[in-house]
């Protein structure tokens, strides 16, 4: 049987996607904010990404998981691939 291109994504599917992505997006946001702060420190700028930056990253990943539930695993995998290469 063939799947249609327009698979219906319900509201509960979107909420499940957000809660499932939190398991991976919280550590990803933590490492990403630390890496950004480390790079800014290397440039000798008096600016760091603190708790607000971390919360912004978590909320950004959660919003993306709600809006695009099938894309967020690929996005987080792409970010982790970049972490592993560096």
PDB file of N, CA and C in Angstrom:
ATOM      1  N   UNK A   1       0.825  -1.170   0.000  1.00  0.00           N
ATOM      2  CA  UNK A   1       0.000   0.000   0.000  1.00  0.00           C
ATOM      3  C   UNK A   1       0.879   1.246   0.000  1.00  0.00           C
ATOM      4  N   UNK A   2       0.492   2.207  -0.707  1.00  0.00           N
ATOM      5  CA  UNK A   2       1.275   3.417  -0.886  1.00  0.00           C
ATOM      6  C   UNK A   2       0.865   4.496   0.095  1.00  0.00           C
ATOM      7  N   UNK A   3       1.856   5.174   0.652  1.00  0.00           N
ATOM      8  CA  UNK A   3       1.569   6.296   1.554  1.00  0.00           C
ATOM      9  C   UNK A   3       1.334   7.551   0.741  1.00  0.00           C
ATOM     10  N   UNK A   4       0.425   8.349   1.222  1.00  0.00           N
ATOM     11  CA  UNK A   4       0.198   9.619   0.530  1.00  0.00           C
ATOM     12  C   UNK A   4       1.286  10.606   0.921  1.00  0.00           C
ATOM     13  N   UNK A   5       1.538  11.554   0.065  1.00  0.00           N
ATOM     14  CA  UNK A   5       2.558  12.569   0.345  1.00  0.00           C
ATOM     15  C   UNK A   5       2.144  13.478   1.489  1.00  0.00           C
ATOM     16  N   UNK A   6       0.890  13.653   1.680  1.00  0.00           N
ATOM     17  CA  UNK A   6       0.364  14.576   2.675  1.00  0.00           C
ATOM     18  C   UNK A   6      -0.061  13.800   3.924  1.00  0.00           C
ATOM     19  N   UNK A   7       0.883  13.186   4.621  1.00  0.00           N
ATOM     20  CA  UNK A   7       0.552  12.492   5.867  1.00  0.00           C
ATOM     21  C   UNK A   7       0.044  13.506   6.878  1.00  0.00           C
ATOM     22  N   UNK A   8      -1.033  13.172   7.523  1.00  0.00           N
ATOM     23  CA  UNK A   8      -1.625  14.070   8.514  1.00  0.00           C
ATOM     24  C   UNK A   8      -0.830  13.994   9.812  1.00  0.00           C
ATOM     25  N   UNK A   9      -0.443  15.140  10.325  1.00  0.00           N
ATOM     26  CA  UNK A   9       0.252  15.227  11.604  1.00  0.00           C
ATOM     27  C   UNK A   9      -0.700  15.904  12.573  1.00  0.00           C
ATOM     28  N   UNK A  10      -1.097  15.184  13.609  1.00  0.00           N
ATOM     29  CA  UNK A  10      -2.057  15.723  14.559  1.00  0.00           C
ATOM     30  C   UNK A  10      -1.347  16.557  15.626  1.00  0.00           C
ATOM     31  N   UNK A  11      -2.143  17.252  16.411  1.00  0.00           N
ATOM     32  CA  UNK A  11      -1.603  18.083  17.482  1.00  0.00           C
ATOM     33  C   UNK A  11      -0.877  17.231  18.513  1.00  0.00           C
ATOM     34  N   UNK A  12      -1.431  16.067  18.817  1.00  0.00           N
ATOM     35  CA  UNK A  12      -0.771  15.190  19.794  1.00  0.00           C
ATOM     36  C   UNK A  12       0.560  14.665  19.245  1.00  0.00           C
ATOM     37  N   UNK A  13       0.640  14.425  17.943  1.00  0.00           N
ATOM     38  CA  UNK A  13       1.915  14.024  17.341  1.00  0.00           C
ATOM     39  C   UNK A  13       2.958  15.118  17.500  1.00  0.00           C
ATOM     40  N   UNK A  14       2.530  16.346  17.339  1.00  0.00           N
ATOM     41  CA  UNK A  14       3.455  17.475  17.487  1.00  0.00           C
ATOM     42  C   UNK A  14       3.938  17.612  18.932  1.00  0.00           C
ATOM     43  N   UNK A  15       3.031  17.435  19.899  1.00  0.00           N
ATOM     44  CA  UNK A  15       3.430  17.521  21.312  1.00  0.00           C
ATOM     45  C   UNK A  15       4.378  16.394  21.697  1.00  0.00           C
ATOM     46  N   UNK A  16       4.110  15.201  21.191  1.00  0.00           N
ATOM     47  CA  UNK A  16       5.008  14.083  21.456  1.00  0.00           C
ATOM     48  C   UNK A  16       6.375  14.358  20.854  1.00  0.00           C
ATOM     49  N   UNK A  17       6.403  14.956  19.684  1.00  0.00           N
ATOM     50  CA  UNK A  17       7.669  15.302  19.039  1.00  0.00           C
ATOM     51  C   UNK A  17       8.453  16.306  19.879  1.00  0.00           C
ATOM     52  N   UNK A  18       7.761  17.284  20.456  1.00  0.00           N
ATOM     53  CA  UNK A  18       8.437  18.283  21.299  1.00  0.00           C
ATOM     54  C   UNK A  18       9.029  17.626  22.538  1.00  0.00           C
ATOM     55  N   UNK A  19       8.249  16.798  23.230  1.00  0.00           N
ATOM     56  CA  UNK A  19       8.751  16.169  24.438  1.00  0.00           C
ATOM     57  C   UNK A  19       9.868  15.169  24.143  1.00  0.00           C
ATOM     58  N   UNK A  20       9.778  14.466  23.036  1.00  0.00           N
ATOM     59  CA  UNK A  20      10.845  13.541  22.666  1.00  0.00           C
ATOM     60  C   UNK A  20      12.113  14.298  22.277  1.00  0.00           C
ATOM     61  N   UNK A  21      11.948  15.435  21.620  1.00  0.00           N
ATOM     62  CA  UNK A  21      13.131  16.189  21.199  1.00  0.00           C
ATOM     63  C   UNK A  21      13.831  16.846  22.381  1.00  0.00           C
ATOM     64  N   UNK A  22      13.111  17.097  23.471  1.00  0.00           N
ATOM     65  CA  UNK A  22      13.750  17.696  24.650  1.00  0.00           C
ATOM     66  C   UNK A  22      14.839  16.794  25.215  1.00  0.00           C
ATOM     67  N   UNK A  23      14.649  15.490  25.094  1.00  0.00           N
ATOM     68  CA  UNK A  23      15.642  14.547  25.588  1.00  0.00           C
ATOM     69  C   UNK A  23      16.982  14.748  24.887  1.00  0.00           C
ATOM     70  N   UNK A  24      16.942  15.116  23.615  1.00  0.00           N
ATOM     71  CA  UNK A  24      18.164  15.318  22.851  1.00  0.00           C
ATOM     72  C   UNK A  24      18.535  16.789  22.699  1.00  0.00           C
ATOM     73  N   UNK A  25      17.554  17.674  22.689  1.00  0.00           N
ATOM     74  CA  UNK A  25      17.861  19.086  22.436  1.00  0.00           C
ATOM     75  C   UNK A  25      18.460  19.793  23.652  1.00  0.00           C
ATOM     76  N   UNK A  26      18.175  19.336  24.856  1.00  0.00           N
ATOM     77  CA  UNK A  26      18.765  19.976  26.037  1.00  0.00           C
ATOM     78  C   UNK A  26      20.281  19.769  26.076  1.00  0.00           C
ATOM     79  N   UNK A  27      20.804  18.537  25.934  1.00  0.00           N
ATOM     80  CA  UNK A  27      22.268  18.401  25.896  1.00  0.00           C
ATOM     81  C   UNK A  27      22.887  19.066  24.666  1.00  0.00           C
ATOM     82  N   UNK A  28      22.178  19.012  23.541  1.00  0.00           N
ATOM     83  CA  UNK A  28      22.691  19.661  22.336  1.00  0.00           C
ATOM     84  C   UNK A  28      22.807  21.161  22.545  1.00  0.00           C
ATOM     85  N   UNK A  29      21.797  21.773  23.150  1.00  0.00           N
ATOM     86  CA  UNK A  29      21.827  23.208  23.414  1.00  0.00           C
ATOM     87  C   UNK A  29      22.921  23.566  24.401  1.00  0.00           C
ATOM     88  N   UNK A  30      23.121  22.718  25.391  1.00  0.00           N
ATOM     89  CA  UNK A  30      24.177  22.961  26.370  1.00  0.00           C
ATOM     90  C   UNK A  30      25.549  22.958  25.696  1.00  0.00           C
ATOM     91  N   UNK A  31      25.833  21.923  24.918  1.00  0.00           N
ATOM     92  CA  UNK A  31      27.121  21.859  24.226  1.00  0.00           C
ATOM     93  C   UNK A  31      27.276  22.969  23.207  1.00  0.00           C
ATOM     94  N   UNK A  32      26.203  23.309  22.523  1.00  0.00           N
ATOM     95  CA  UNK A  32      26.267  24.367  21.527  1.00  0.00           C
ATOM     96  C   UNK A  32      26.533  25.723  22.171  1.00  0.00           C
ATOM     97  N   UNK A  33      25.881  26.014  23.295  1.00  0.00           N
ATOM     98  CA  UNK A  33      26.119  27.291  23.968  1.00  0.00           C
ATOM     99  C   UNK A  33      27.531  27.355  24.555  1.00  0.00           C
ATOM    100  N   UNK A  34      28.033  26.221  25.067  1.00  0.00           N
ATOM    101  CA  UNK A  34      29.407  26.202  25.569  1.00  0.00           C
ATOM    102  C   UNK A  34      30.412  26.391  24.437  1.00  0.00           C
ATOM    103  N   UNK A  35      30.155  25.794  23.292  1.00  0.00           N
ATOM    104  CA  UNK A  35      31.058  25.926  22.154  1.00  0.00           C
ATOM    105  C   UNK A  35      31.058  27.361  21.622  1.00  0.00           C
ATOM    106  N   UNK A  36      29.894  27.988  21.575  1.00  0.00           N
ATOM    107  CA  UNK A  36      29.813  29.384  21.131  1.00  0.00           C
ATOM    108  C   UNK A  36      30.562  30.285  22.106  1.00  0.00           C
ATOM    109  N   UNK A  37      30.372  30.059  23.406  1.00  0.00           N
ATOM    110  CA  UNK A  37      31.083  30.862  24.406  1.00  0.00           C
ATOM    111  C   UNK A  37      32.587  30.659  24.318  1.00  0.00           C
ATOM    112  N   UNK A  38      33.011  29.434  24.074  1.00  0.00           N
ATOM    113  CA  UNK A  38      34.438  29.144  23.950  1.00  0.00           C
ATOM    114  C   UNK A  38      35.023  29.871  22.733  1.00  0.00           C
ATOM    115  N   UNK A  39      34.308  29.869  21.630  1.00  0.00           N
ATOM    116  CA  UNK A  39      34.788  30.560  20.434  1.00  0.00           C
ATOM    117  C   UNK A  39      34.810  32.070  20.624  1.00  0.00           C
ATOM    118  N   UNK A  40      33.827  32.602  21.327  1.00  0.00           N
ATOM    119  CA  UNK A  40      33.828  34.041  21.597  1.00  0.00           C
ATOM    120  C   UNK A  40      34.955  34.409  22.544  1.00  0.00           C
ATOM    121  N   UNK A  41      35.266  33.537  23.493  1.00  0.00           N
ATOM    122  CA  UNK A  41      36.373  33.788  24.413  1.00  0.00           C
ATOM    123  C   UNK A  41      37.707  33.747  23.675  1.00  0.00           C
ATOM    124  N   UNK A  42      37.816  32.859  22.689  1.00  0.00           N
ATOM    125  CA  UNK A  42      39.046  32.774  21.905  1.00  0.00           C
ATOM    126  C   UNK A  42      39.259  34.037  21.072  1.00  0.00           C
ATOM    127  N   UNK A  43      38.171  34.683  20.707  1.00  0.00           N
ATOM    128  CA  UNK A  43      38.269  35.934  19.948  1.00  0.00           C
ATOM    129  C   UNK A  43      38.496  37.145  20.852  1.00  0.00           C
ATOM    130  N   UNK A  44      38.593  36.894  22.158  1.00  0.00           N
ATOM    131  CA  UNK A  44      38.805  37.918  23.182  1.00  0.00           C
ATOM    132  C   UNK A  44      37.700  38.968  23.179  1.00  0.00           C
ATOM    133  N   UNK A  45      36.470  38.491  23.035  1.00  0.00           N
ATOM    134  CA  UNK A  45      35.308  39.374  23.144  1.00  0.00           C
ATOM    135  C   UNK A  45      34.749  39.260  24.556  1.00  0.00           C
ATOM    136  N   UNK A  46      34.268  40.343  25.082  1.00  0.00           N
ATOM    137  CA  UNK A  46      33.686  40.327  26.427  1.00  0.00           C
ATOM    138  C   UNK A  46      32.205  39.975  26.365  1.00  0.00           C
ATOM    139  N   UNK A  47      31.897  38.920  25.665  1.00  0.00           N
ATOM    140  CA  UNK A  47      30.514  38.484  25.526  1.00  0.00           C
ATOM    141  C   UNK A  47      30.479  36.970  25.617  1.00  0.00           C
ATOM    142  N   UNK A  48      29.607  36.444  26.436  1.00  0.00           N
ATOM    143  CA  UNK A  48      29.441  34.996  26.541  1.00  0.00           C
ATOM    144  C   UNK A  48      27.963  34.664  26.407  1.00  0.00           C
ATOM    145  N   UNK A  49      27.698  33.451  26.008  1.00  0.00           N
ATOM    146  CA  UNK A  49      26.333  32.959  25.919  1.00  0.00           C
ATOM    147  C   UNK A  49      26.050  32.277  27.243  1.00  0.00           C
ATOM    148  N   UNK A  50      25.237  32.886  28.053  1.00  0.00           N
ATOM    149  CA  UNK A  50      24.945  32.339  29.373  1.00  0.00           C
ATOM    150  C   UNK A  50      23.674  31.521  29.380  1.00  0.00           C
ATOM    151  N   UNK A  51      22.960  31.611  30.478  1.00  0.00           N
ATOM    152  CA  UNK A  51      21.720  30.866  30.641  1.00  0.00           C
ATOM    153  C   UNK A  51      20.646  31.281  29.665  1.00  0.00           C
ATOM    154  N   UNK A  52      20.635  32.565  29.306  1.00  0.00           N
ATOM    155  CA  UNK A  52      19.626  33.025  28.347  1.00  0.00           C
ATOM    156  C   UNK A  52      19.857  32.403  26.980  1.00  0.00           C
ATOM    157  N   UNK A  53      21.106  32.306  26.575  1.00  0.00           N
ATOM    158  CA  UNK A  53      21.416  31.676  25.295  1.00  0.00           C
ATOM    159  C   UNK A  53      21.019  30.214  25.271  1.00  0.00           C
ATOM    160  N   UNK A  54      21.251  29.532  26.387  1.00  0.00           N
ATOM    161  CA  UNK A  54      20.863  28.127  26.503  1.00  0.00           C
ATOM    162  C   UNK A  54      19.356  27.978  26.374  1.00  0.00           C
ATOM    163  N   UNK A  55      18.609  28.830  27.080  1.00  0.00           N
ATOM    164  CA  UNK A  55      17.146  28.759  27.019  1.00  0.00           C
ATOM    165  C   UNK A  55      16.623  29.121  25.635  1.00  0.00           C
ATOM    166  N   UNK A  56      17.282  30.055  24.975  1.00  0.00           N
ATOM    167  CA  UNK A  56      16.884  30.416  23.614  1.00  0.00           C
ATOM    168  C   UNK A  56      17.091  29.234  22.677  1.00  0.00           C
ATOM    169  N   UNK A  57      18.219  28.538  22.815  1.00  0.00           N
ATOM    170  CA  UNK A  57      18.485  27.377  21.965  1.00  0.00           C
ATOM    171  C   UNK A  57      17.492  26.244  22.222  1.00  0.00           C
ATOM    172  N   UNK A  58      17.180  25.981  23.488  1.00  0.00           N
ATOM    173  CA  UNK A  58      16.212  24.932  23.811  1.00  0.00           C
ATOM    174  C   UNK A  58      14.841  25.287  23.249  1.00  0.00           C
ATOM    175  N   UNK A  59      14.432  26.545  23.416  1.00  0.00           N
ATOM    176  CA  UNK A  59      13.123  26.947  22.898  1.00  0.00           C
ATOM    177  C   UNK A  59      13.106  26.932  21.371  1.00  0.00           C
ATOM    178  N   UNK A  60      14.231  27.250  20.745  1.00  0.00           N
ATOM    179  CA  UNK A  60      14.302  27.199  19.285  1.00  0.00           C
ATOM    180  C   UNK A  60      14.145  25.753  18.796  1.00  0.00           C
ATOM    181  N   UNK A  61      14.854  24.811  19.433  1.00  0.00           N
ATOM    182  CA  UNK A  61      14.713  23.415  19.048  1.00  0.00           C
ATOM    183  C   UNK A  61      13.301  22.899  19.312  1.00  0.00           C
ATOM    184  N   UNK A  62      12.683  23.343  20.418  1.00  0.00           N
ATOM    185  CA  UNK A  62      11.318  22.912  20.724  1.00  0.00           C
ATOM    186  C   UNK A  62      10.326  23.463  19.711  1.00  0.00           C
ATOM    187  N   UNK A  63      10.507  24.712  19.324  1.00  0.00           N
ATOM    188  CA  UNK A  63       9.624  25.313  18.325  1.00  0.00           C
ATOM    189  C   UNK A  63       9.769  24.606  16.981  1.00  0.00           C
ATOM    190  N   UNK A  64      11.009  24.304  16.605  1.00  0.00           N
ATOM    191  CA  UNK A  64      11.225  23.570  15.357  1.00  0.00           C
ATOM    192  C   UNK A  64      10.619  22.170  15.423  1.00  0.00           C
ATOM    193  N   UNK A  65      10.696  21.532  16.593  1.00  0.00           N
ATOM    194  CA  UNK A  65      10.107  20.201  16.748  1.00  0.00           C
ATOM    195  C   UNK A  65       8.591  20.259  16.654  1.00  0.00           C
ATOM    196  N   UNK A  66       7.999  21.349  17.125  1.00  0.00           N
ATOM    197  CA  UNK A  66       6.548  21.489  17.034  1.00  0.00           C
ATOM    198  C   UNK A  66       6.112  21.783  15.599  1.00  0.00           C
ATOM    199  N   UNK A  67       6.841  22.668  14.927  1.00  0.00           N
ATOM    200  CA  UNK A  67       6.457  23.061  13.573  1.00  0.00           C
ATOM    201  C   UNK A  67       6.809  22.003  12.531  1.00  0.00           C
ATOM    202  N   UNK A  68       7.962  21.381  12.678  1.00  0.00           N
ATOM    203  CA  UNK A  68       8.443  20.396  11.709  1.00  0.00           C
ATOM    204  C   UNK A  68       8.838  19.114  12.443  1.00  0.00           C
ATOM    205  N   UNK A  69       7.862  18.295  12.840  1.00  0.00           N
ATOM    206  CA  UNK A  69       8.182  17.130  13.679  1.00  0.00           C
ATOM    207  C   UNK A  69       9.055  16.085  12.997  1.00  0.00           C
ATOM    208  N   UNK A  70       9.076  16.038  11.682  1.00  0.00           N
ATOM    209  CA  UNK A  70       9.875  15.019  11.001  1.00  0.00           C
ATOM    210  C   UNK A  70      11.278  15.504  10.660  1.00  0.00           C
ATOM    211  N   UNK A  71      11.549  16.793  10.830  1.00  0.00           N
ATOM    212  CA  UNK A  71      12.843  17.366  10.462  1.00  0.00           C
ATOM    213  C   UNK A  71      13.799  17.431  11.642  1.00  0.00           C
ATOM    214  N   UNK A  72      13.289  17.563  12.849  1.00  0.00           N
ATOM    215  CA  UNK A  72      14.136  17.810  14.017  1.00  0.00           C
ATOM    216  C   UNK A  72      15.131  16.682  14.286  1.00  0.00           C
ATOM    217  N   UNK A  73      14.821  15.390  14.074  1.00  0.00           N
ATOM    218  CA  UNK A  73      15.870  14.377  14.282  1.00  0.00           C
ATOM    219  C   UNK A  73      17.053  14.549  13.335  1.00  0.00           C
ATOM    220  N   UNK A  74      16.772  14.905  12.104  1.00  0.00           N
ATOM    221  CA  UNK A  74      17.862  15.139  11.146  1.00  0.00           C
ATOM    222  C   UNK A  74      18.681  16.359  11.532  1.00  0.00           C
ATOM    223  N   UNK A  75      18.024  17.406  12.006  1.00  0.00           N
ATOM    224  CA  UNK A  75      18.724  18.623  12.417  1.00  0.00           C
ATOM    225  C   UNK A  75      19.634  18.362  13.608  1.00  0.00           C
ATOM    226  N   UNK A  76      19.125  17.665  14.612  1.00  0.00           N
ATOM    227  CA  UNK A  76      19.946  17.359  15.782  1.00  0.00           C
ATOM    228  C   UNK A  76      21.086  16.411  15.419  1.00  0.00           C
ATOM    229  N   UNK A  77      20.833  15.460  14.527  1.00  0.00           N
ATOM    230  CA  UNK A  77      21.898  14.571  14.068  1.00  0.00           C
ATOM    231  C   UNK A  77      22.980  15.328  13.323  1.00  0.00           C
ATOM    232  N   UNK A  78      22.578  16.311  12.526  1.00  0.00           N
ATOM    233  CA  UNK A  78      23.534  17.136  11.796  1.00  0.00           C
ATOM    234  C   UNK A  78      24.410  17.935  12.767  1.00  0.00           C
ATOM    235  N   UNK A  79      23.798  18.508  13.808  1.00  0.00           N
ATOM    236  CA  UNK A  79      24.555  19.274  14.807  1.00  0.00           C
ATOM    237  C   UNK A  79      25.546  18.363  15.521  1.00  0.00           C
ATOM    238  N   UNK A  80      25.120  17.150  15.899  1.00  0.00           N
ATOM    239  CA  UNK A  80      26.022  16.232  16.590  1.00  0.00           C
ATOM    240  C   UNK A  80      27.136  15.741  15.677  1.00  0.00           C
ATOM    241  N   UNK A  81      26.875  15.592  14.393  1.00  0.00           N
ATOM    242  CA  UNK A  81      27.945  15.249  13.460  1.00  0.00           C
ATOM    243  C   UNK A  81      29.000  16.334  13.404  1.00  0.00           C
ATOM    244  N   UNK A  82      28.577  17.578  13.455  1.00  0.00           N
ATOM    245  CA  UNK A  82      29.530  18.698  13.474  1.00  0.00           C
ATOM    246  C   UNK A  82      30.340  18.669  14.769  1.00  0.00           C
ATOM    247  N   UNK A  83      29.687  18.353  15.905  1.00  0.00           N
ATOM    248  CA  UNK A  83      30.410  18.250  17.179  1.00  0.00           C
ATOM    249  C   UNK A  83      31.486  17.173  17.105  1.00  0.00           C
ATOM    250  N   UNK A  84      31.166  16.046  16.516  1.00  0.00           N
ATOM    251  CA  UNK A  84      32.101  14.925  16.474  1.00  0.00           C
ATOM    252  C   UNK A  84      33.279  15.196  15.541  1.00  0.00           C
ATOM    253  N   UNK A  85      33.077  16.004  14.532  1.00  0.00           N
ATOM    254  CA  UNK A  85      34.171  16.329  13.608  1.00  0.00           C
ATOM    255  C   UNK A  85      35.171  17.304  14.228  1.00  0.00           C
ATOM    256  N   UNK A  86      34.712  18.132  15.166  1.00  0.00           N
ATOM    257  CA  UNK A  86      35.602  19.128  15.786  1.00  0.00           C
ATOM    258  C   UNK A  86      36.242  18.591  17.017  1.00  0.00           C
TER     259      UNK A  86
END
